[in-house]
Structures are given as structure tokens and as C-alpha cells.
Amino acid sequence: EEWNFTDVAAGPFGNVFAVTQTGIINEYDEQGNLMFTFGGRAYDNDRNGLFTNASAIDIDPESGMLYVLDQERALVQVFYPTDFANLTHEAVAALKRGDYESSEDIWSGLLRLNGMSQIAHIGYGKALFYQQKYDEALYHFEIANDKAYYSDTMWELRNDFLGRSMTFILVGFVVLVVALCVLSAFRKKKKKLA
């Protein structure tokens, strides 16, 4: 991963686009999590989407069109958001405003388009998590290797288990204590008789 960013641009969803001199374009969400990476360096010939010396980036917030300047080639390349990117932004927005059911549906559709998308697994897991569907959420956090949400989900599953089982645990403990007391009293009485 490169960190030699030459320019950044703020997107319409609180997201940020950053371009490196070698032409790698990263999109980050408002928490700084990497959402998408594209672009790259043109080594031998001119190819669309690749750069020899990327030096500036800007975005049209209404259309979502991204403009990247290749200083060496004196060329501005234009990128348009894909359906996948638009749906991802829509799912993130639904999750952010607390519309977890809608977000779940969108993330589910994104996973049908790309079952290997880490951000889709994390987003889907969060939508499930906030609806207290912890077993399903755990699966998606595991696939995405999101240790923080995986841990939070395990805590919630543990709390659910303890909440459902506490009555049985307490009753079992009381029965065990009573049984031990009765057994102890029975042994004492047996010793007195002997």
C-alpha cells in the first residue's frame, strides 16, 4: 500500500479520494476505512485508467465523476462510479442513518454481485449486528477478518446465552447447594446412628 499521496478530494458521502503519484486511487469512508482501490502506473504504453505521474484529483459531487490529472501526459482522465460503487454508497448511507433492514437488503445484493467483497461482508455484518442477528453477523465478520466487530458480536452472543440460561444456572446452583446440604445432614445423621 502506497502512502505518497499527491492530492485528495472530498466526496459527497463524507468519503475521501486520495491519489498517489503512481496513479493509485483510494477511496476511504468517513472513518478512514479503505473502500475501493483502482488506477495504477502506466509503464510501457498509454492505457486508460493508468498514469505516469498523477498530480491532482477532484470530484463532481452531483454526478460522482472523478477527475484525475496526469501531469506528465497533460491529460485528465475521468472515472465514473460503477453500479457496485453506487450501491455501496447507498448501503453505507442507510446503515449510517439507522435503516438497518434496507441496508441489509442492499449489502445482500452487493454480496451476490461480489461474494469476496470485504466491505460488503463488514457492512452486511453491521446491518445484522444492529438488528441483533448475532449468529449471522459473526459469520460475515469472520470472513471479512474484522476482529473488533467479531469480538463485539461474541460478547453479545455470550450475553444472550447468559441471559437465556441464567435462570437454569441459578436453579441448578440452588438445587446443588440444597442437595449438598441434605447429603451432609444425611451423613451426620448416619454417623450419629452408627
C-alpha atoms as a PDB file:
ATOM      1  CA  GLU A   1       0.000   0.000   0.000  1.00  0.00           C
ATOM      2  CA  GLU A   2       1.387   3.359  -1.005  1.00  0.00           C
ATOM      3  CA  TRP A   3       1.196   6.489   1.116  1.00  0.00           C
ATOM      4  CA  ASN A   4       2.837   9.019  -1.216  1.00  0.00           C
ATOM      5  CA  PHE A   5      -0.419  10.875  -1.840  1.00  0.00           C
ATOM      6  CA  THR A   6      -0.182  13.872  -4.122  1.00  0.00           C
ATOM      7  CA  ASP A   7      -3.766  15.100  -3.716  1.00  0.00           C
ATOM      8  CA  VAL A   8      -7.073  14.375  -2.000  1.00  0.00           C
ATOM      9  CA  ALA A   9     -10.691  15.258  -2.745  1.00  0.00           C
ATOM     10  CA  ALA A  10     -13.753  15.141  -0.508  1.00  0.00           C
ATOM     11  CA  GLY A  11     -16.659  13.091  -1.819  1.00  0.00           C
ATOM     12  CA  PRO A  12     -20.380  13.720  -1.337  1.00  0.00           C
ATOM     13  CA  PHE A  13     -20.880  10.951   1.290  1.00  0.00           C
ATOM     14  CA  GLY A  14     -18.215  12.017   3.767  1.00  0.00           C
ATOM     15  CA  ASN A  15     -15.810   9.853   1.796  1.00  0.00           C
ATOM     16  CA  VAL A  16     -12.343  10.914   0.674  1.00  0.00           C
ATOM     17  CA  PHE A  17     -10.482  10.111  -2.535  1.00  0.00           C
ATOM     18  CA  ALA A  18      -6.684  10.144  -2.484  1.00  0.00           C
ATOM     19  CA  VAL A  19      -4.315   9.704  -5.429  1.00  0.00           C
ATOM     20  CA  THR A  20      -0.648   8.717  -5.312  1.00  0.00           C
ATOM     21  CA  GLN A  21       1.994   9.893  -7.755  1.00  0.00           C
ATOM     22  CA  THR A  22       1.970   6.395  -9.265  1.00  0.00           C
ATOM     23  CA  GLY A  23      -1.734   6.757 -10.040  1.00  0.00           C
ATOM     24  CA  ILE A  24      -3.256   4.535  -7.368  1.00  0.00           C
ATOM     25  CA  ILE A  25      -6.601   5.975  -6.319  1.00  0.00           C
ATOM     26  CA  ASN A  26      -8.018   5.036  -2.918  1.00  0.00           C
ATOM     27  CA  GLU A  27     -11.483   5.813  -1.605  1.00  0.00           C
ATOM     28  CA  TYR A  28     -11.910   5.953   2.174  1.00  0.00           C
ATOM     29  CA  ASP A  29     -15.132   6.172   4.176  1.00  0.00           C
ATOM     30  CA  GLU A  30     -15.603   8.850   6.821  1.00  0.00           C
ATOM     31  CA  GLN A  31     -13.915   6.660   9.464  1.00  0.00           C
ATOM     32  CA  GLY A  32     -10.845   6.263   7.247  1.00  0.00           C
ATOM     33  CA  ASN A  33     -11.567   2.668   6.209  1.00  0.00           C
ATOM     34  CA  LEU A  34     -10.444   1.745   2.703  1.00  0.00           C
ATOM     35  CA  MET A  35     -13.456   1.172   0.451  1.00  0.00           C
ATOM     36  CA  PHE A  36     -12.025   0.917  -3.069  1.00  0.00           C
ATOM     37  CA  THR A  37      -8.659   0.978  -4.830  1.00  0.00           C
ATOM     38  CA  PHE A  38      -8.186   1.433  -8.566  1.00  0.00           C
ATOM     39  CA  GLY A  39      -5.851   3.026 -11.102  1.00  0.00           C
ATOM     40  CA  GLY A  40      -2.096   2.426 -11.232  1.00  0.00           C
ATOM     41  CA  ARG A  41       1.109   3.220 -13.093  1.00  0.00           C
ATOM     42  CA  ALA A  42       1.452   3.111 -16.884  1.00  0.00           C
ATOM     43  CA  TYR A  43       4.854   1.578 -17.617  1.00  0.00           C
ATOM     44  CA  ASP A  44       5.109   0.842 -21.323  1.00  0.00           C
ATOM     45  CA  ASN A  45       2.206   2.474 -23.086  1.00  0.00           C
ATOM     46  CA  ASP A  46      -0.751   4.729 -22.602  1.00  0.00           C
ATOM     47  CA  ARG A  47      -3.697   2.868 -21.167  1.00  0.00           C
ATOM     48  CA  ASN A  48      -6.933   4.258 -19.840  1.00  0.00           C
ATOM     49  CA  GLY A  49      -7.053   4.260 -16.049  1.00  0.00           C
ATOM     50  CA  LEU A  50      -3.253   4.224 -15.659  1.00  0.00           C
ATOM     51  CA  PHE A  51      -0.955   7.195 -15.055  1.00  0.00           C
ATOM     52  CA  THR A  52       2.687   8.158 -15.486  1.00  0.00           C
ATOM     53  CA  ASN A  53       2.585  10.992 -12.915  1.00  0.00           C
ATOM     54  CA  ALA A  54      -0.777  11.605 -11.219  1.00  0.00           C
ATOM     55  CA  SER A  55      -0.757  15.007  -9.591  1.00  0.00           C
ATOM     56  CA  ALA A  56      -4.334  16.117  -8.828  1.00  0.00           C
ATOM     57  CA  ILE A  57      -7.792  14.705  -8.159  1.00  0.00           C
ATOM     58  CA  ASP A  58     -11.254  16.243  -7.944  1.00  0.00           C
ATOM     59  CA  ILE A  59     -14.847  15.028  -7.882  1.00  0.00           C
ATOM     60  CA  ASP A  60     -18.129  16.376  -9.159  1.00  0.00           C
ATOM     61  CA  PRO A  61     -20.374  15.744  -6.127  1.00  0.00           C
ATOM     62  CA  GLU A  62     -23.565  15.646  -8.184  1.00  0.00           C
ATOM     63  CA  SER A  63     -22.542  13.158 -10.858  1.00  0.00           C
ATOM     64  CA  GLY A  64     -19.887  11.333  -8.835  1.00  0.00           C
ATOM     65  CA  MET A  65     -17.452  11.728 -11.746  1.00  0.00           C
ATOM     66  CA  LEU A  66     -13.833  11.651 -10.624  1.00  0.00           C
ATOM     67  CA  TYR A  67     -11.202  13.700 -12.478  1.00  0.00           C
ATOM     68  CA  VAL A  68      -7.511  12.799 -12.180  1.00  0.00           C
ATOM     69  CA  LEU A  69      -4.706  14.807 -13.764  1.00  0.00           C
ATOM     70  CA  ASP A  70      -1.686  13.031 -15.245  1.00  0.00           C
ATOM     71  CA  GLN A  71       0.853  15.858 -15.170  1.00  0.00           C
ATOM     72  CA  GLU A  72       3.447  14.172 -17.390  1.00  0.00           C
ATOM     73  CA  ARG A  73       0.947  13.331 -20.141  1.00  0.00           C
ATOM     74  CA  ALA A  74      -1.017  16.623 -19.710  1.00  0.00           C
ATOM     75  CA  LEU A  75      -4.189  14.554 -19.574  1.00  0.00           C
ATOM     76  CA  VAL A  76      -7.236  14.478 -17.320  1.00  0.00           C
ATOM     77  CA  GLN A  77      -8.785  11.038 -17.012  1.00  0.00           C
ATOM     78  CA  VAL A  78     -12.427  10.768 -15.996  1.00  0.00           C
ATOM     79  CA  PHE A  79     -13.809   7.916 -13.891  1.00  0.00           C
ATOM     80  CA  TYR A  80     -17.492   7.320 -13.339  1.00  0.00           C
ATOM     81  CA  PRO A  81     -18.881   5.375 -10.390  1.00  0.00           C
ATOM     82  CA  THR A  82     -19.912   1.797 -11.134  1.00  0.00           C
ATOM     83  CA  ASP A  83     -23.240   0.343 -10.076  1.00  0.00           C
ATOM     84  CA  PHE A  84     -21.350  -1.560  -7.385  1.00  0.00           C
ATOM     85  CA  ALA A  85     -19.839   1.674  -6.011  1.00  0.00           C
ATOM     86  CA  ASN A  86     -23.203   3.469  -6.104  1.00  0.00           C
ATOM     87  CA  LEU A  87     -24.893   0.600  -4.257  1.00  0.00           C
ATOM     88  CA  THR A  88     -22.069   0.519  -1.712  1.00  0.00           C
ATOM     89  CA  HIS A  89     -22.508   4.237  -1.013  1.00  0.00           C
ATOM     90  CA  GLU A  90     -26.279   3.714  -0.731  1.00  0.00           C
ATOM     91  CA  ALA A  91     -25.785   0.832   1.736  1.00  0.00           C
ATOM     92  CA  VAL A  92     -23.324   2.851   3.837  1.00  0.00           C
ATOM     93  CA  ALA A  93     -25.777   5.778   3.938  1.00  0.00           C
ATOM     94  CA  ALA A  94     -28.668   3.502   5.004  1.00  0.00           C
ATOM     95  CA  LEU A  95     -26.506   1.978   7.732  1.00  0.00           C
ATOM     96  CA  LYS A  96     -25.413   5.427   8.912  1.00  0.00           C
ATOM     97  CA  ARG A  97     -28.993   6.713   9.231  1.00  0.00           C
ATOM     98  CA  GLY A  98     -30.046   3.572  11.138  1.00  0.00           C
ATOM     99  CA  ASP A  99     -32.133   1.980   8.389  1.00  0.00           C
ATOM    100  CA  TYR A 100     -30.686  -1.458   9.074  1.00  0.00           C
ATOM    101  CA  GLU A 101     -33.259  -3.507   7.161  1.00  0.00           C
ATOM    102  CA  SER A 102     -32.764  -1.503   3.976  1.00  0.00           C
ATOM    103  CA  SER A 103     -29.003  -1.596   4.463  1.00  0.00           C
ATOM    104  CA  GLU A 104     -29.158  -5.378   4.956  1.00  0.00           C
ATOM    105  CA  ASP A 105     -31.015  -5.803   1.658  1.00  0.00           C
ATOM    106  CA  ILE A 106     -28.519  -3.662  -0.249  1.00  0.00           C
ATOM    107  CA  TRP A 107     -25.473  -5.368   1.287  1.00  0.00           C
ATOM    108  CA  SER A 108     -27.013  -8.748   0.484  1.00  0.00           C
ATOM    109  CA  GLY A 109     -27.366  -7.696  -3.156  1.00  0.00           C
ATOM    110  CA  LEU A 110     -23.762  -6.497  -3.198  1.00  0.00           C
ATOM    111  CA  LEU A 111     -22.598  -9.854  -1.870  1.00  0.00           C
ATOM    112  CA  ARG A 112     -24.470 -11.556  -4.704  1.00  0.00           C
ATOM    113  CA  LEU A 113     -22.523  -9.345  -7.133  1.00  0.00           C
ATOM    114  CA  ASN A 114     -19.184  -9.942  -5.398  1.00  0.00           C
ATOM    115  CA  GLY A 115     -19.049 -12.528  -2.638  1.00  0.00           C
ATOM    116  CA  MET A 116     -15.402 -11.677  -1.957  1.00  0.00           C
ATOM    117  CA  SER A 117     -16.002  -8.003  -1.137  1.00  0.00           C
ATOM    118  CA  GLN A 118     -14.624  -7.328   2.331  1.00  0.00           C
ATOM    119  CA  ILE A 119     -16.529  -4.068   2.705  1.00  0.00           C
ATOM    120  CA  ALA A 120     -19.793  -5.804   1.755  1.00  0.00           C
ATOM    121  CA  HIS A 121     -19.223  -8.525   4.364  1.00  0.00           C
ATOM    122  CA  ILE A 122     -18.447  -5.909   7.018  1.00  0.00           C
ATOM    123  CA  GLY A 123     -21.440  -3.758   6.060  1.00  0.00           C
ATOM    124  CA  TYR A 124     -23.783  -6.744   5.949  1.00  0.00           C
ATOM    125  CA  GLY A 125     -22.426  -7.923   9.287  1.00  0.00           C
ATOM    126  CA  LYS A 126     -23.044  -4.491  10.835  1.00  0.00           C
ATOM    127  CA  ALA A 127     -26.602  -4.367   9.490  1.00  0.00           C
ATOM    128  CA  LEU A 128     -27.241  -7.801  11.039  1.00  0.00           C
ATOM    129  CA  PHE A 129     -25.447  -6.868  14.267  1.00  0.00           C
ATOM    130  CA  TYR A 130     -27.596  -3.788  14.828  1.00  0.00           C
ATOM    131  CA  GLN A 131     -30.708  -5.912  14.264  1.00  0.00           C
ATOM    132  CA  GLN A 132     -29.386  -8.338  16.899  1.00  0.00           C
ATOM    133  CA  LYS A 133     -28.906 -11.159  14.381  1.00  0.00           C
ATOM    134  CA  TYR A 134     -25.618 -12.037  16.010  1.00  0.00           C
ATOM    135  CA  ASP A 135     -25.082 -15.575  14.678  1.00  0.00           C
ATOM    136  CA  GLU A 136     -25.293 -14.395  11.059  1.00  0.00           C
ATOM    137  CA  ALA A 137     -23.260 -11.255  11.755  1.00  0.00           C
ATOM    138  CA  LEU A 138     -20.466 -13.301  13.322  1.00  0.00           C
ATOM    139  CA  TYR A 139     -20.082 -15.325  10.121  1.00  0.00           C
ATOM    140  CA  HIS A 140     -19.608 -12.209   7.977  1.00  0.00           C
ATOM    141  CA  PHE A 141     -17.182 -10.546  10.392  1.00  0.00           C
ATOM    142  CA  GLU A 142     -15.131 -13.740  10.373  1.00  0.00           C
ATOM    143  CA  ILE A 143     -14.999 -13.778   6.551  1.00  0.00           C
ATOM    144  CA  ALA A 144     -14.006 -10.096   6.493  1.00  0.00           C
ATOM    145  CA  ASN A 145     -11.436 -10.652   9.252  1.00  0.00           C
ATOM    146  CA  ASP A 146     -12.951  -7.756  11.234  1.00  0.00           C
ATOM    147  CA  LYS A 147     -11.636  -8.640  14.676  1.00  0.00           C
ATOM    148  CA  ALA A 148     -13.215  -5.713  16.520  1.00  0.00           C
ATOM    149  CA  TYR A 149     -16.782  -6.410  15.369  1.00  0.00           C
ATOM    150  CA  TYR A 150     -16.197 -10.166  15.646  1.00  0.00           C
ATOM    151  CA  SER A 151     -15.242  -9.658  19.298  1.00  0.00           C
ATOM    152  CA  ASP A 152     -18.223  -7.371  19.962  1.00  0.00           C
ATOM    153  CA  THR A 153     -20.531  -9.948  18.375  1.00  0.00           C
ATOM    154  CA  MET A 154     -19.067 -12.744  20.512  1.00  0.00           C
ATOM    155  CA  TRP A 155     -19.747 -10.638  23.625  1.00  0.00           C
ATOM    156  CA  GLU A 156     -23.338 -10.130  22.557  1.00  0.00           C
ATOM    157  CA  LEU A 157     -23.766 -13.866  21.908  1.00  0.00           C
ATOM    158  CA  ARG A 158     -22.294 -14.611  25.338  1.00  0.00           C
ATOM    159  CA  ASN A 159     -24.611 -12.074  26.977  1.00  0.00           C
ATOM    160  CA  ASP A 160     -27.612 -13.575  25.145  1.00  0.00           C
ATOM    161  CA  PHE A 161     -26.610 -17.059  26.276  1.00  0.00           C
ATOM    162  CA  LEU A 162     -26.170 -15.944  29.881  1.00  0.00           C
ATOM    163  CA  GLY A 163     -29.450 -14.010  29.795  1.00  0.00           C
ATOM    164  CA  ARG A 164     -31.375 -17.024  28.488  1.00  0.00           C
ATOM    165  CA  SER A 165     -29.577 -19.504  30.728  1.00  0.00           C
ATOM    166  CA  MET A 166     -29.247 -17.561  33.972  1.00  0.00           C
ATOM    167  CA  THR A 167     -32.497 -18.940  35.423  1.00  0.00           C
ATOM    168  CA  PHE A 168     -31.377 -22.505  34.735  1.00  0.00           C
ATOM    169  CA  ILE A 169     -27.896 -21.802  36.081  1.00  0.00           C
ATOM    170  CA  LEU A 170     -29.253 -20.276  39.308  1.00  0.00           C
ATOM    171  CA  VAL A 171     -31.851 -23.019  39.789  1.00  0.00           C
ATOM    172  CA  GLY A 172     -29.160 -25.635  39.155  1.00  0.00           C
ATOM    173  CA  PHE A 173     -26.864 -23.940  41.651  1.00  0.00           C
ATOM    174  CA  VAL A 174     -29.616 -23.798  44.310  1.00  0.00           C
ATOM    175  CA  VAL A 175     -30.523 -27.450  43.690  1.00  0.00           C
ATOM    176  CA  LEU A 176     -26.829 -28.394  44.003  1.00  0.00           C
ATOM    177  CA  VAL A 177     -26.438 -26.460  47.274  1.00  0.00           C
ATOM    178  CA  VAL A 178     -29.632 -27.992  48.698  1.00  0.00           C
ATOM    179  CA  ALA A 179     -28.530 -31.468  47.605  1.00  0.00           C
ATOM    180  CA  LEU A 180     -25.126 -30.978  49.248  1.00  0.00           C
ATOM    181  CA  CYS A 181     -26.772 -29.740  52.462  1.00  0.00           C
ATOM    182  CA  VAL A 182     -29.180 -32.712  52.509  1.00  0.00           C
ATOM    183  CA  LEU A 183     -26.317 -35.109  51.786  1.00  0.00           C
ATOM    184  CA  SER A 184     -24.202 -33.551  54.546  1.00  0.00           C
ATOM    185  CA  ALA A 185     -27.116 -33.742  57.021  1.00  0.00           C
ATOM    186  CA  PHE A 186     -27.796 -37.338  55.989  1.00  0.00           C
ATOM    187  CA  ARG A 187     -24.117 -38.271  56.579  1.00  0.00           C
ATOM    188  CA  LYS A 188     -24.113 -36.595  60.012  1.00  0.00           C
ATOM    189  CA  LYS A 189     -27.288 -38.421  61.000  1.00  0.00           C
ATOM    190  CA  LYS A 190     -25.844 -41.703  59.737  1.00  0.00           C
ATOM    191  CA  LYS A 191     -22.666 -41.175  61.840  1.00  0.00           C
ATOM    192  CA  LYS A 192     -24.763 -40.460  64.971  1.00  0.00           C
ATOM    193  CA  LEU A 193     -26.729 -43.662  64.470  1.00  0.00           C
ATOM    194  CA  ALA A 194     -23.646 -45.764  63.968  1.00  0.00           C
END
